[in-house]
Amino acid sequence: MSVVYFIFQQTMFFSIPLLIVALGGMFSERSGVVNIALEGIMTMGAFTGILFLNLTGNRMSGQGQLLIAIVIAMTTGVVFSLFHAYAAINMKADQTISGTALNMFAPAFAIFVARIIQGVQQIQFSNTFRIESVPVLGSIPFIGDLFFKNTYITTYMGIAILILSAVVLYRTRFGLRLRACGEHPQAADAAGVNVYRMQYAGVIISGALGGLGGLVFVVPTSTNFNATVSGYGFLALAVLIFGQWKPVRIMWASLFFGLTKAIAAAYSGIPFLNNMGIPSYLYKMIPYIATLIVLIFTSKNSQAPRASGVPYDKSAR
């Protein structure tokens, strides 16, 4: 049973950042803007958040420090995503090229600034954020061991973001307008919706969640940041497509890909896998092979928002 708990907890560590970032990408694409820059946004959010943890490690610790780092990471993600929003919405630039440029810029910027500040690009931090057991809830048989022991506050944030995203997208006027802009922006404009404003809102939300996802990815799985999020932004795009741009489906896709990442990263802690004698590099290939296989069989039936990736020109209406 301890192996089951271990696999589940490792899966959550990898699934939650995927879920958060994919939901961010969902808001952007639902507004009509493809956000290929999720990888770069994650990198920038992780960089500023981890840098804060590094610089304040001697004076702060625990959940308060982590919450401040979360705010910093989300703010960084918002600011960085505005470059993509301006290029895609105001300049009518190719959204794939704009996002790719930001993906190339982010790690170079993180390495450059880190070397200026501390002489090396790898940023160390002390992980004082793991919750060994949530009071009362951690004592619940089975469920307590799964959800409320050896966990992080970010896990509960991810679940809350999922619920909030579903409510906002399908139960609010904002969500209705956002979906309209991603499907029929001309019709939304004719109905009095400011399409540009809604697209900015979608990209900004994706920036905030992308920056948060970068920090959430690094904190439970490492004690240093080396200017990379290991392709998680691109994996989140795969989750978004596999999840058909819908919150609940994105959740299931995140759990699936999170499980493959957990097996790849923690196979040595799973006895029956460790005893099989399979080379470690094969385990590390599993998430990306799974991504390719899933996209091959599902992308044909994928139904992205109709106007996603198409610059909206109000004057051409």
C-alpha atoms as a PDB file:
ATOM      1  CA  MET A   1       0.000   0.000   0.000  1.00  0.00           C
ATOM      2  CA  SER A   2       2.897   2.368   0.684  1.00  0.00           C
ATOM      3  CA  VAL A   3       3.889   2.034  -2.995  1.00  0.00           C
ATOM      4  CA  VAL A   4       0.383   3.168  -4.016  1.00  0.00           C
ATOM      5  CA  TYR A   5       0.670   6.241  -1.803  1.00  0.00           C
ATOM      6  CA  PHE A   6       4.121   6.992  -3.190  1.00  0.00           C
ATOM      7  CA  ILE A   7       3.017   6.731  -6.840  1.00  0.00           C
ATOM      8  CA  PHE A   8      -0.102   8.829  -6.218  1.00  0.00           C
ATOM      9  CA  GLN A   9       1.805  11.591  -4.430  1.00  0.00           C
ATOM     10  CA  GLN A  10       4.480  11.694  -7.131  1.00  0.00           C
ATOM     11  CA  THR A  11       1.766  11.815  -9.776  1.00  0.00           C
ATOM     12  CA  MET A  12       0.175  14.806  -8.077  1.00  0.00           C
ATOM     13  CA  PHE A  13       3.514  16.623  -7.923  1.00  0.00           C
ATOM     14  CA  PHE A  14       3.758  16.392 -11.709  1.00  0.00           C
ATOM     15  CA  SER A  15       0.049  16.641 -12.572  1.00  0.00           C
ATOM     16  CA  ILE A  16      -0.770  19.841 -10.703  1.00  0.00           C
ATOM     17  CA  PRO A  17       1.637  22.133 -12.627  1.00  0.00           C
ATOM     18  CA  LEU A  18       0.474  20.537 -15.898  1.00  0.00           C
ATOM     19  CA  LEU A  19      -3.128  21.172 -14.905  1.00  0.00           C
ATOM     20  CA  ILE A  20      -2.502  24.796 -13.933  1.00  0.00           C
ATOM     21  CA  VAL A  21      -0.537  25.665 -17.068  1.00  0.00           C
ATOM     22  CA  ALA A  22      -2.904  23.839 -19.421  1.00  0.00           C
ATOM     23  CA  LEU A  23      -5.851  25.706 -17.886  1.00  0.00           C
ATOM     24  CA  GLY A  24      -3.945  28.925 -18.499  1.00  0.00           C
ATOM     25  CA  GLY A  25      -3.468  27.957 -22.140  1.00  0.00           C
ATOM     26  CA  MET A  26      -7.179  27.148 -22.314  1.00  0.00           C
ATOM     27  CA  PHE A  27      -8.179  30.685 -21.316  1.00  0.00           C
ATOM     28  CA  SER A  28      -5.850  32.183 -23.922  1.00  0.00           C
ATOM     29  CA  GLU A  29      -7.013  29.942 -26.760  1.00  0.00           C
ATOM     30  CA  ARG A  30     -10.654  30.276 -25.770  1.00  0.00           C
ATOM     31  CA  SER A  31     -10.224  34.017 -26.353  1.00  0.00           C
ATOM     32  CA  GLY A  32      -8.719  33.400 -29.794  1.00  0.00           C
ATOM     33  CA  VAL A  33      -4.986  33.694 -29.052  1.00  0.00           C
ATOM     34  CA  VAL A  34      -2.717  30.656 -29.274  1.00  0.00           C
ATOM     35  CA  ASN A  35      -0.162  30.855 -26.466  1.00  0.00           C
ATOM     36  CA  ILE A  36       2.858  28.834 -27.563  1.00  0.00           C
ATOM     37  CA  ALA A  37       4.871  30.878 -25.045  1.00  0.00           C
ATOM     38  CA  LEU A  38       3.750  28.779 -22.060  1.00  0.00           C
ATOM     39  CA  GLU A  39       7.210  27.230 -21.773  1.00  0.00           C
ATOM     40  CA  GLY A  40       8.852  30.656 -21.571  1.00  0.00           C
ATOM     41  CA  ILE A  41       6.233  31.971 -19.159  1.00  0.00           C
ATOM     42  CA  MET A  42       6.798  28.986 -16.883  1.00  0.00           C
ATOM     43  CA  THR A  43      10.548  29.565 -17.011  1.00  0.00           C
ATOM     44  CA  MET A  44      10.224  33.234 -16.101  1.00  0.00           C
ATOM     45  CA  GLY A  45       7.740  32.560 -13.299  1.00  0.00           C
ATOM     46  CA  ALA A  46       9.942  29.826 -11.857  1.00  0.00           C
ATOM     47  CA  PHE A  47      13.020  32.024 -12.171  1.00  0.00           C
ATOM     48  CA  THR A  48      11.677  35.024 -10.251  1.00  0.00           C
ATOM     49  CA  GLY A  49       9.881  32.865  -7.680  1.00  0.00           C
ATOM     50  CA  ILE A  50      12.921  30.676  -6.966  1.00  0.00           C
ATOM     51  CA  LEU A  51      15.222  33.705  -6.958  1.00  0.00           C
ATOM     52  CA  PHE A  52      13.021  35.212  -4.250  1.00  0.00           C
ATOM     53  CA  LEU A  53      13.224  31.979  -2.233  1.00  0.00           C
ATOM     54  CA  ASN A  54      17.005  32.027  -2.637  1.00  0.00           C
ATOM     55  CA  LEU A  55      17.455  35.656  -1.600  1.00  0.00           C
ATOM     56  CA  THR A  56      15.129  35.411   1.423  1.00  0.00           C
ATOM     57  CA  GLY A  57      16.129  31.909   2.557  1.00  0.00           C
ATOM     58  CA  ASN A  58      18.032  33.204   5.585  1.00  0.00           C
ATOM     59  CA  ARG A  59      15.176  35.389   6.799  1.00  0.00           C
ATOM     60  CA  MET A  60      12.001  33.542   5.854  1.00  0.00           C
ATOM     61  CA  SER A  61      10.705  29.987   5.548  1.00  0.00           C
ATOM     62  CA  GLY A  62       7.519  28.000   5.398  1.00  0.00           C
ATOM     63  CA  GLN A  63       4.182  28.688   3.768  1.00  0.00           C
ATOM     64  CA  GLY A  64       4.350  32.480   4.079  1.00  0.00           C
ATOM     65  CA  GLN A  65       7.535  32.599   2.028  1.00  0.00           C
ATOM     66  CA  LEU A  66       6.041  30.265  -0.573  1.00  0.00           C
ATOM     67  CA  LEU A  67       2.869  32.345  -0.893  1.00  0.00           C
ATOM     68  CA  ILE A  68       4.904  35.495  -1.573  1.00  0.00           C
ATOM     69  CA  ALA A  69       6.950  33.588  -4.153  1.00  0.00           C
ATOM     70  CA  ILE A  70       3.679  32.489  -5.781  1.00  0.00           C
ATOM     71  CA  VAL A  71       2.509  36.087  -6.091  1.00  0.00           C
ATOM     72  CA  ILE A  72       5.865  37.068  -7.604  1.00  0.00           C
ATOM     73  CA  ALA A  73       5.776  34.175 -10.085  1.00  0.00           C
ATOM     74  CA  MET A  74       2.220  34.991 -11.171  1.00  0.00           C
ATOM     75  CA  THR A  75       3.021  38.692 -11.561  1.00  0.00           C
ATOM     76  CA  THR A  76       6.073  37.823 -13.647  1.00  0.00           C
ATOM     77  CA  GLY A  77       3.957  35.555 -15.828  1.00  0.00           C
ATOM     78  CA  VAL A  78       1.426  38.335 -16.392  1.00  0.00           C
ATOM     79  CA  VAL A  79       4.086  40.887 -17.362  1.00  0.00           C
ATOM     80  CA  PHE A  80       5.878  38.453 -19.664  1.00  0.00           C
ATOM     81  CA  SER A  81       2.621  37.368 -21.334  1.00  0.00           C
ATOM     82  CA  LEU A  82       1.815  40.991 -22.174  1.00  0.00           C
ATOM     83  CA  PHE A  83       4.608  40.950 -24.751  1.00  0.00           C
ATOM     84  CA  HIS A  84       2.859  38.076 -26.491  1.00  0.00           C
ATOM     85  CA  ALA A  85      -0.523  39.777 -26.163  1.00  0.00           C
ATOM     86  CA  TYR A  86       0.739  43.029 -27.687  1.00  0.00           C
ATOM     87  CA  ALA A  87       2.405  41.237 -30.595  1.00  0.00           C
ATOM     88  CA  ALA A  88      -0.557  38.954 -31.284  1.00  0.00           C
ATOM     89  CA  ILE A  89      -3.434  41.382 -30.684  1.00  0.00           C
ATOM     90  CA  ASN A  90      -2.131  44.861 -31.469  1.00  0.00           C
ATOM     91  CA  MET A  91       0.534  44.039 -34.037  1.00  0.00           C
ATOM     92  CA  LYS A  92      -1.396  41.136 -35.623  1.00  0.00           C
ATOM     93  CA  ALA A  93       1.833  39.090 -35.560  1.00  0.00           C
ATOM     94  CA  ASP A  94       2.011  35.382 -36.218  1.00  0.00           C
ATOM     95  CA  GLN A  95       1.174  33.969 -32.790  1.00  0.00           C
ATOM     96  CA  THR A  96       3.386  30.905 -33.182  1.00  0.00           C
ATOM     97  CA  ILE A  97       6.435  33.002 -34.036  1.00  0.00           C
ATOM     98  CA  SER A  98       5.722  35.448 -31.207  1.00  0.00           C
ATOM     99  CA  GLY A  99       5.411  32.646 -28.673  1.00  0.00           C
ATOM    100  CA  THR A 100       8.529  30.898 -29.964  1.00  0.00           C
ATOM    101  CA  ALA A 101      10.534  34.103 -29.602  1.00  0.00           C
ATOM    102  CA  LEU A 102       9.510  34.402 -25.954  1.00  0.00           C
ATOM    103  CA  ASN A 103      10.374  30.742 -25.371  1.00  0.00           C
ATOM    104  CA  MET A 104      13.881  31.402 -26.690  1.00  0.00           C
ATOM    105  CA  PHE A 105      14.282  34.596 -24.691  1.00  0.00           C
ATOM    106  CA  ALA A 106      13.195  33.298 -21.259  1.00  0.00           C
ATOM    107  CA  PRO A 107      15.971  30.771 -20.468  1.00  0.00           C
ATOM    108  CA  ALA A 108      18.659  33.070 -21.869  1.00  0.00           C
ATOM    109  CA  PHE A 109      17.400  35.907 -19.675  1.00  0.00           C
ATOM    110  CA  ALA A 110      17.229  33.661 -16.592  1.00  0.00           C
ATOM    111  CA  ILE A 111      20.796  32.420 -17.124  1.00  0.00           C
ATOM    112  CA  PHE A 112      22.138  35.925 -17.755  1.00  0.00           C
ATOM    113  CA  VAL A 113      20.516  37.492 -14.685  1.00  0.00           C
ATOM    114  CA  ALA A 114      21.364  34.550 -12.418  1.00  0.00           C
ATOM    115  CA  ARG A 115      25.037  34.750 -13.393  1.00  0.00           C
ATOM    116  CA  ILE A 116      25.091  38.498 -12.769  1.00  0.00           C
ATOM    117  CA  ILE A 117      23.537  38.119  -9.317  1.00  0.00           C
ATOM    118  CA  GLN A 118      25.339  35.046  -7.997  1.00  0.00           C
ATOM    119  CA  GLY A 119      27.990  34.084 -10.557  1.00  0.00           C
ATOM    120  CA  VAL A 120      26.372  30.768 -11.567  1.00  0.00           C
ATOM    121  CA  GLN A 121      23.177  30.024 -13.447  1.00  0.00           C
ATOM    122  CA  GLN A 122      21.837  27.406 -11.014  1.00  0.00           C
ATOM    123  CA  ILE A 123      19.740  28.926  -8.226  1.00  0.00           C
ATOM    124  CA  GLN A 124      19.553  26.953  -4.983  1.00  0.00           C
ATOM    125  CA  PHE A 125      16.740  27.139  -2.433  1.00  0.00           C
ATOM    126  CA  SER A 126      15.721  25.382   0.770  1.00  0.00           C
ATOM    127  CA  ASN A 127      12.488  23.421   0.548  1.00  0.00           C
ATOM    128  CA  THR A 128      10.660  24.139   3.798  1.00  0.00           C
ATOM    129  CA  PHE A 129       7.199  23.908   2.252  1.00  0.00           C
ATOM    130  CA  ARG A 130       6.265  20.239   2.409  1.00  0.00           C
ATOM    131  CA  ILE A 131       3.302  19.539   4.684  1.00  0.00           C
ATOM    132  CA  GLU A 132       3.883  16.239   6.472  1.00  0.00           C
ATOM    133  CA  SER A 133       0.277  15.915   7.594  1.00  0.00           C
ATOM    134  CA  VAL A 134      -2.687  18.276   7.477  1.00  0.00           C
ATOM    135  CA  PRO A 135      -4.212  18.499  10.959  1.00  0.00           C
ATOM    136  CA  VAL A 136      -7.315  16.283  11.408  1.00  0.00           C
ATOM    137  CA  LEU A 137      -7.634  15.561   7.662  1.00  0.00           C
ATOM    138  CA  GLY A 138      -4.355  13.669   7.613  1.00  0.00           C
ATOM    139  CA  SER A 139      -5.783  11.178  10.109  1.00  0.00           C
ATOM    140  CA  ILE A 140      -8.584  10.027   7.805  1.00  0.00           C
ATOM    141  CA  PRO A 141      -7.942   6.413   6.765  1.00  0.00           C
ATOM    142  CA  PHE A 142      -6.697   5.952   3.181  1.00  0.00           C
ATOM    143  CA  ILE A 143      -7.890   9.394   1.951  1.00  0.00           C
ATOM    144  CA  GLY A 144      -5.702  11.142   4.498  1.00  0.00           C
ATOM    145  CA  ASP A 145      -2.623   9.270   3.299  1.00  0.00           C
ATOM    146  CA  LEU A 146      -3.430  10.048  -0.344  1.00  0.00           C
ATOM    147  CA  PHE A 147      -4.356  13.714  -0.191  1.00  0.00           C
ATOM    148  CA  PHE A 148      -3.305  15.172   3.134  1.00  0.00           C
ATOM    149  CA  LYS A 149       0.156  13.771   3.882  1.00  0.00           C
ATOM    150  CA  ASN A 150       3.511  14.668   2.326  1.00  0.00           C
ATOM    151  CA  THR A 151       1.813  17.305   0.210  1.00  0.00           C
ATOM    152  CA  TYR A 152       2.142  20.979  -0.704  1.00  0.00           C
ATOM    153  CA  ILE A 153      -0.268  23.876  -0.480  1.00  0.00           C
ATOM    154  CA  THR A 154       0.099  24.234  -4.246  1.00  0.00           C
ATOM    155  CA  THR A 155      -1.765  20.944  -4.717  1.00  0.00           C
ATOM    156  CA  TYR A 156      -4.883  22.431  -3.155  1.00  0.00           C
ATOM    157  CA  MET A 157      -4.385  25.626  -5.148  1.00  0.00           C
ATOM    158  CA  GLY A 158      -4.388  23.582  -8.345  1.00  0.00           C
ATOM    159  CA  ILE A 159      -7.655  21.876  -7.420  1.00  0.00           C
ATOM    160  CA  ALA A 160      -9.207  25.248  -6.518  1.00  0.00           C
ATOM    161  CA  ILE A 161      -8.056  26.737  -9.849  1.00  0.00           C
ATOM    162  CA  LEU A 162      -9.664  23.806 -11.695  1.00  0.00           C
ATOM    163  CA  ILE A 163     -13.024  24.345  -9.999  1.00  0.00           C
ATOM    164  CA  LEU A 164     -12.838  28.116 -10.431  1.00  0.00           C
ATOM    165  CA  SER A 165     -11.896  27.768 -14.112  1.00  0.00           C
ATOM    166  CA  ALA A 166     -14.901  25.545 -14.822  1.00  0.00           C
ATOM    167  CA  VAL A 167     -17.243  27.945 -13.051  1.00  0.00           C
ATOM    168  CA  VAL A 168     -15.812  31.036 -14.755  1.00  0.00           C
ATOM    169  CA  LEU A 169     -15.825  29.487 -18.214  1.00  0.00           C
ATOM    170  CA  TYR A 170     -19.343  28.026 -18.148  1.00  0.00           C
ATOM    171  CA  ARG A 171     -21.260  29.898 -15.452  1.00  0.00           C
ATOM    172  CA  THR A 172     -20.305  33.561 -15.852  1.00  0.00           C
ATOM    173  CA  ARG A 173     -20.864  36.336 -18.381  1.00  0.00           C
ATOM    174  CA  PHE A 174     -17.098  36.731 -18.689  1.00  0.00           C
ATOM    175  CA  GLY A 175     -16.735  33.075 -19.671  1.00  0.00           C
ATOM    176  CA  LEU A 176     -19.521  33.326 -22.249  1.00  0.00           C
ATOM    177  CA  ARG A 177     -17.898  36.363 -23.838  1.00  0.00           C
ATOM    178  CA  LEU A 178     -14.477  34.748 -23.779  1.00  0.00           C
ATOM    179  CA  ARG A 179     -15.770  31.644 -25.572  1.00  0.00           C
ATOM    180  CA  ALA A 180     -17.630  33.805 -28.081  1.00  0.00           C
ATOM    181  CA  CYS A 181     -14.436  35.674 -28.936  1.00  0.00           C
ATOM    182  CA  GLY A 182     -12.641  32.406 -29.586  1.00  0.00           C
ATOM    183  CA  GLU A 183     -15.409  31.028 -31.785  1.00  0.00           C
ATOM    184  CA  HIS A 184     -17.006  33.988 -33.584  1.00  0.00           C
ATOM    185  CA  PRO A 185     -15.192  37.259 -32.752  1.00  0.00           C
ATOM    186  CA  GLN A 186     -17.131  39.206 -35.414  1.00  0.00           C
ATOM    187  CA  ALA A 187     -20.436  38.155 -33.874  1.00  0.00           C
ATOM    188  CA  ALA A 188     -19.174  38.963 -30.390  1.00  0.00           C
ATOM    189  CA  ASP A 189     -18.036  42.392 -31.584  1.00  0.00           C
ATOM    190  CA  ALA A 190     -21.428  43.022 -33.202  1.00  0.00           C
ATOM    191  CA  ALA A 191     -23.051  42.177 -29.852  1.00  0.00           C
ATOM    192  CA  GLY A 192     -20.989  44.871 -28.139  1.00  0.00           C
ATOM    193  CA  VAL A 193     -18.169  42.748 -26.714  1.00  0.00           C
ATOM    194  CA  ASN A 194     -14.716  44.335 -26.807  1.00  0.00           C
ATOM    195  CA  VAL A 195     -12.840  41.469 -28.482  1.00  0.00           C
ATOM    196  CA  TYR A 196      -9.404  42.970 -27.940  1.00  0.00           C
ATOM    197  CA  ARG A 197     -10.068  43.422 -24.237  1.00  0.00           C
ATOM    198  CA  MET A 198     -11.287  39.851 -23.863  1.00  0.00           C
ATOM    199  CA  GLN A 199      -8.241  38.527 -25.716  1.00  0.00           C
ATOM    200  CA  TYR A 200      -5.944  40.511 -23.431  1.00  0.00           C
ATOM    201  CA  ALA A 201      -7.809  39.073 -20.432  1.00  0.00           C
ATOM    202  CA  GLY A 202      -7.371  35.535 -21.754  1.00  0.00           C
ATOM    203  CA  VAL A 203      -3.640  35.977 -22.347  1.00  0.00           C
ATOM    204  CA  ILE A 204      -3.132  37.661 -18.967  1.00  0.00           C
ATOM    205  CA  ILE A 205      -4.873  34.787 -17.170  1.00  0.00           C
ATOM    206  CA  SER A 206      -2.703  32.320 -19.067  1.00  0.00           C
ATOM    207  CA  GLY A 207       0.359  34.341 -18.032  1.00  0.00           C
ATOM    208  CA  ALA A 208      -0.601  34.300 -14.360  1.00  0.00           C
ATOM    209  CA  LEU A 209      -1.302  30.551 -14.371  1.00  0.00           C
ATOM    210  CA  GLY A 210       1.782  29.833 -16.483  1.00  0.00           C
ATOM    211  CA  GLY A 211       4.039  31.707 -14.072  1.00  0.00           C
ATOM    212  CA  LEU A 212       2.431  29.908 -11.137  1.00  0.00           C
ATOM    213  CA  GLY A 213       2.816  26.565 -12.903  1.00  0.00           C
ATOM    214  CA  GLY A 214       6.541  27.153 -13.368  1.00  0.00           C
ATOM    215  CA  LEU A 215       7.066  27.647  -9.640  1.00  0.00           C
ATOM    216  CA  VAL A 216       4.728  24.788  -8.736  1.00  0.00           C
ATOM    217  CA  PHE A 217       6.714  22.470 -11.015  1.00  0.00           C
ATOM    218  CA  VAL A 218      10.093  23.255  -9.458  1.00  0.00           C
ATOM    219  CA  VAL A 219       9.310  23.441  -5.739  1.00  0.00           C
ATOM    220  CA  PRO A 220       8.061  19.870  -5.032  1.00  0.00           C
ATOM    221  CA  THR A 221      10.523  18.133  -7.362  1.00  0.00           C
ATOM    222  CA  SER A 222      13.881  19.881  -6.797  1.00  0.00           C
ATOM    223  CA  THR A 223      15.945  22.198  -4.607  1.00  0.00           C
ATOM    224  CA  ASN A 224      17.449  24.206  -7.453  1.00  0.00           C
ATOM    225  CA  PHE A 225      16.462  25.922 -10.684  1.00  0.00           C
ATOM    226  CA  ASN A 226      18.636  25.724 -13.782  1.00  0.00           C
ATOM    227  CA  ALA A 227      16.746  27.980 -16.216  1.00  0.00           C
ATOM    228  CA  THR A 228      14.533  25.178 -17.512  1.00  0.00           C
ATOM    229  CA  VAL A 229      11.167  23.581 -16.841  1.00  0.00           C
ATOM    230  CA  SER A 230      12.035  20.457 -18.840  1.00  0.00           C
ATOM    231  CA  GLY A 231       9.614  21.047 -21.699  1.00  0.00           C
ATOM    232  CA  TYR A 232       6.622  21.210 -19.375  1.00  0.00           C
ATOM    233  CA  GLY A 233       5.113  24.153 -21.236  1.00  0.00           C
ATOM    234  CA  PHE A 234       4.991  22.105 -24.434  1.00  0.00           C
ATOM    235  CA  LEU A 235       3.654  19.107 -22.546  1.00  0.00           C
ATOM    236  CA  ALA A 236       0.921  21.370 -21.165  1.00  0.00           C
ATOM    237  CA  LEU A 237      -0.036  22.243 -24.742  1.00  0.00           C
ATOM    238  CA  ALA A 238      -0.399  18.517 -25.444  1.00  0.00           C
ATOM    239  CA  VAL A 239      -2.579  18.200 -22.339  1.00  0.00           C
ATOM    240  CA  LEU A 240      -4.664  21.138 -23.568  1.00  0.00           C
ATOM    241  CA  ILE A 241      -5.237  19.491 -26.961  1.00  0.00           C
ATOM    242  CA  PHE A 242      -5.865  16.051 -25.438  1.00  0.00           C
ATOM    243  CA  GLY A 243      -8.294  17.697 -23.005  1.00  0.00           C
ATOM    244  CA  GLN A 244     -10.204  19.368 -25.860  1.00  0.00           C
ATOM    245  CA  TRP A 245      -9.950  22.835 -24.261  1.00  0.00           C
ATOM    246  CA  LYS A 246     -12.349  21.748 -21.501  1.00  0.00           C
ATOM    247  CA  PRO A 247     -11.425  21.944 -17.771  1.00  0.00           C
ATOM    248  CA  VAL A 248     -12.548  18.467 -16.665  1.00  0.00           C
ATOM    249  CA  ARG A 249     -10.968  16.721 -19.640  1.00  0.00           C
ATOM    250  CA  ILE A 250      -7.793  18.719 -19.063  1.00  0.00           C
ATOM    251  CA  MET A 251      -7.768  17.397 -15.494  1.00  0.00           C
ATOM    252  CA  TRP A 252      -7.880  13.770 -16.684  1.00  0.00           C
ATOM    253  CA  ALA A 253      -5.225  14.439 -19.304  1.00  0.00           C
ATOM    254  CA  SER A 254      -3.023  16.059 -16.650  1.00  0.00           C
ATOM    255  CA  LEU A 255      -3.345  13.022 -14.402  1.00  0.00           C
ATOM    256  CA  PHE A 256      -2.424  10.701 -17.264  1.00  0.00           C
ATOM    257  CA  PHE A 257       0.669  12.639 -18.294  1.00  0.00           C
ATOM    258  CA  GLY A 258       1.533  13.302 -14.647  1.00  0.00           C
ATOM    259  CA  LEU A 259       1.552   9.550 -14.046  1.00  0.00           C
ATOM    260  CA  THR A 260       3.957   9.004 -16.961  1.00  0.00           C
ATOM    261  CA  LYS A 261       6.244  11.726 -15.589  1.00  0.00           C
ATOM    262  CA  ALA A 262       6.064  10.246 -12.089  1.00  0.00           C
ATOM    263  CA  ILE A 263       7.083   6.821 -13.408  1.00  0.00           C
ATOM    264  CA  ALA A 264       9.939   8.372 -15.381  1.00  0.00           C
ATOM    265  CA  ALA A 265      11.233  10.362 -12.405  1.00  0.00           C
ATOM    266  CA  ALA A 266      10.603   7.979  -9.506  1.00  0.00           C
ATOM    267  CA  TYR A 267      10.773   4.479 -11.011  1.00  0.00           C
ATOM    268  CA  SER A 268      13.681   3.621  -8.680  1.00  0.00           C
ATOM    269  CA  GLY A 269      11.291   3.987  -5.727  1.00  0.00           C
ATOM    270  CA  ILE A 270       8.824   1.510  -7.252  1.00  0.00           C
ATOM    271  CA  PRO A 271      10.177  -1.989  -6.527  1.00  0.00           C
ATOM    272  CA  PHE A 272       8.672  -3.942  -9.441  1.00  0.00           C
ATOM    273  CA  LEU A 273       9.872  -1.324 -11.955  1.00  0.00           C
ATOM    274  CA  ASN A 274      13.311  -0.994 -10.405  1.00  0.00           C
ATOM    275  CA  ASN A 275      13.788  -4.769 -10.530  1.00  0.00           C
ATOM    276  CA  MET A 276      12.992  -5.025 -14.236  1.00  0.00           C
ATOM    277  CA  GLY A 277      16.470  -3.816 -15.226  1.00  0.00           C
ATOM    278  CA  ILE A 278      15.199  -1.379 -17.861  1.00  0.00           C
ATOM    279  CA  PRO A 279      17.709   1.455 -18.572  1.00  0.00           C
ATOM    280  CA  SER A 280      16.813   4.752 -16.926  1.00  0.00           C
ATOM    281  CA  TYR A 281      16.782   6.686 -20.198  1.00  0.00           C
ATOM    282  CA  LEU A 282      13.905   4.529 -21.437  1.00  0.00           C
ATOM    283  CA  TYR A 283      11.810   5.517 -18.430  1.00  0.00           C
ATOM    284  CA  LYS A 284      12.628   9.174 -19.076  1.00  0.00           C
ATOM    285  CA  MET A 285      11.372   8.815 -22.640  1.00  0.00           C
ATOM    286  CA  ILE A 286       7.958   7.539 -21.521  1.00  0.00           C
ATOM    287  CA  PRO A 287       6.166  10.938 -21.115  1.00  0.00           C
ATOM    288  CA  TYR A 288       7.223  12.153 -24.539  1.00  0.00           C
ATOM    289  CA  ILE A 289       6.488   8.862 -26.308  1.00  0.00           C
ATOM    290  CA  ALA A 290       3.071   8.857 -24.626  1.00  0.00           C
ATOM    291  CA  THR A 291       2.530  12.439 -25.810  1.00  0.00           C
ATOM    292  CA  LEU A 292       3.271  11.509 -29.421  1.00  0.00           C
ATOM    293  CA  ILE A 293       1.059   8.419 -29.324  1.00  0.00           C
ATOM    294  CA  VAL A 294      -1.872  10.263 -27.740  1.00  0.00           C
ATOM    295  CA  LEU A 295      -1.658  13.166 -30.185  1.00  0.00           C
ATOM    296  CA  ILE A 296      -1.452  10.791 -33.156  1.00  0.00           C
ATOM    297  CA  PHE A 297      -4.731   9.131 -32.188  1.00  0.00           C
ATOM    298  CA  THR A 298      -6.609  12.195 -30.875  1.00  0.00           C
ATOM    299  CA  SER A 299      -5.449  15.253 -32.826  1.00  0.00           C
ATOM    300  CA  LYS A 300      -7.551  14.298 -35.874  1.00  0.00           C
ATOM    301  CA  ASN A 301     -10.728  14.707 -33.832  1.00  0.00           C
ATOM    302  CA  SER A 302      -9.552  17.764 -31.923  1.00  0.00           C
ATOM    303  CA  GLN A 303     -11.860  20.762 -32.141  1.00  0.00           C
ATOM    304  CA  ALA A 304      -9.970  23.882 -31.178  1.00  0.00           C
ATOM    305  CA  PRO A 305     -11.818  27.195 -30.873  1.00  0.00           C
ATOM    306  CA  ARG A 306     -12.525  28.222 -34.478  1.00  0.00           C
ATOM    307  CA  ALA A 307     -10.860  31.635 -34.286  1.00  0.00           C
ATOM    308  CA  SER A 308      -7.886  30.489 -32.223  1.00  0.00           C
ATOM    309  CA  GLY A 309      -4.643  31.660 -33.821  1.00  0.00           C
ATOM    310  CA  VAL A 310      -6.366  33.986 -36.276  1.00  0.00           C
ATOM    311  CA  PRO A 311      -5.593  37.704 -35.616  1.00  0.00           C
ATOM    312  CA  TYR A 312      -8.843  39.632 -35.288  1.00  0.00           C
ATOM    313  CA  ASP A 313      -9.063  42.782 -37.382  1.00  0.00           C
ATOM    314  CA  LYS A 314     -12.023  44.911 -36.380  1.00  0.00           C
ATOM    315  CA  SER A 315     -11.745  47.093 -39.464  1.00  0.00           C
ATOM    316  CA  ALA A 316     -12.197  44.032 -41.695  1.00  0.00           C
ATOM    317  CA  ARG A 317     -15.578  43.176 -40.191  1.00  0.00           C
END
